[in-house]
């Protein structure tokens, strides 16, 4: 990841607003998510297993929502 995040601190907007803007940009670019993924090494087989389990969970959740019916 070679994206550099820069936030100019302006006098009128202040430090707090600039800090919020920086956090929002980090969230948008996925910096925190990437950091958490790289904290520990996972074997490819473990990664694949987690991915399939997450897909199954999403599938069950959407199936449950369809069975339940629309909200009134």
Protein backbone atom coordinates (compact mmCIF):
# COMPACT_ATOMS: atom_id res chain seq x y z
CA UNK A 1 0.00 0.00 0.00
CA UNK A 2 1.75 3.11 -1.20
CA UNK A 3 -1.01 5.63 -0.55
CA UNK A 4 0.05 8.56 1.57
CA UNK A 5 -2.66 10.27 3.57
CA UNK A 6 -2.14 13.98 4.07
CA UNK A 7 -4.39 16.40 5.90
CA UNK A 8 -3.66 20.10 5.96
CA UNK A 9 -4.38 21.74 9.31
CA UNK A 10 -6.06 25.05 8.73
CA UNK A 11 -6.37 27.79 11.32
CA UNK A 12 -10.09 28.28 10.87
CA UNK A 13 -11.08 24.61 10.96
CA UNK A 14 -8.82 23.66 13.85
CA UNK A 15 -7.02 20.57 14.99
CA UNK A 16 -10.10 18.60 16.08
CA UNK A 17 -11.78 18.79 12.69
CA UNK A 18 -8.53 17.92 10.92
CA UNK A 19 -8.07 14.91 13.19
CA UNK A 20 -11.62 13.73 12.42
CA UNK A 21 -10.91 14.17 8.72
CA UNK A 22 -7.71 12.11 9.06
CA UNK A 23 -9.53 9.29 10.85
CA UNK A 24 -12.25 9.28 8.21
CA UNK A 25 -9.66 9.09 5.42
CA UNK A 26 -7.87 6.20 7.17
CA UNK A 27 -11.18 4.36 7.44
CA UNK A 28 -11.96 5.03 3.77
CA UNK A 29 -8.61 3.75 2.54
CA UNK A 30 -8.78 0.71 4.86
CA UNK A 31 -5.56 1.46 6.73
CA UNK A 32 -6.74 0.07 10.07
CA UNK A 33 -8.22 -3.06 8.48
CA UNK A 34 -4.98 -3.72 6.60
CA UNK A 35 -2.97 -3.19 9.80
CA UNK A 36 -5.08 -5.71 11.69
CA UNK A 37 -4.77 -8.25 8.88
CA UNK A 38 -0.98 -7.95 8.89
CA UNK A 39 -0.56 -8.20 12.68
CA UNK A 40 -0.32 -11.97 12.54
CA UNK A 41 0.41 -14.47 9.80
CA UNK A 42 -2.35 -16.89 8.91
CA UNK A 43 -1.78 -19.93 6.79
CA UNK A 44 -3.60 -19.86 3.47
CA UNK A 45 -5.71 -22.86 4.51
CA UNK A 46 -6.87 -21.05 7.66
CA UNK A 47 -7.61 -17.91 5.68
CA UNK A 48 -9.68 -19.91 3.18
CA UNK A 49 -11.57 -21.66 5.96
CA UNK A 50 -12.42 -18.33 7.63
CA UNK A 51 -13.54 -16.92 4.30
CA UNK A 52 -15.89 -19.85 3.60
CA UNK A 53 -17.31 -19.69 7.15
CA UNK A 54 -18.00 -15.96 6.77
CA UNK A 55 -19.72 -16.58 3.41
CA UNK A 56 -21.86 -19.31 4.96
CA UNK A 57 -22.82 -17.01 7.83
CA UNK A 58 -23.81 -14.25 5.37
CA UNK A 59 -25.83 -16.75 3.34
CA UNK A 60 -27.69 -18.03 6.43
CA UNK A 61 -28.39 -14.47 7.55
CA UNK A 62 -29.86 -13.43 4.21
CA UNK A 63 -31.89 -16.66 4.04
CA UNK A 64 -33.29 -15.95 7.52
CA UNK A 65 -34.27 -12.43 6.46
CA UNK A 66 -36.09 -13.78 3.39
CA UNK A 67 -37.97 -16.39 5.44
CA UNK A 68 -38.97 -13.86 8.07
CA UNK A 69 -40.64 -11.60 5.54
CA UNK A 70 -40.77 -7.85 5.04
CA UNK A 71 -41.02 -5.39 7.91
CA UNK A 72 -44.35 -3.70 8.39
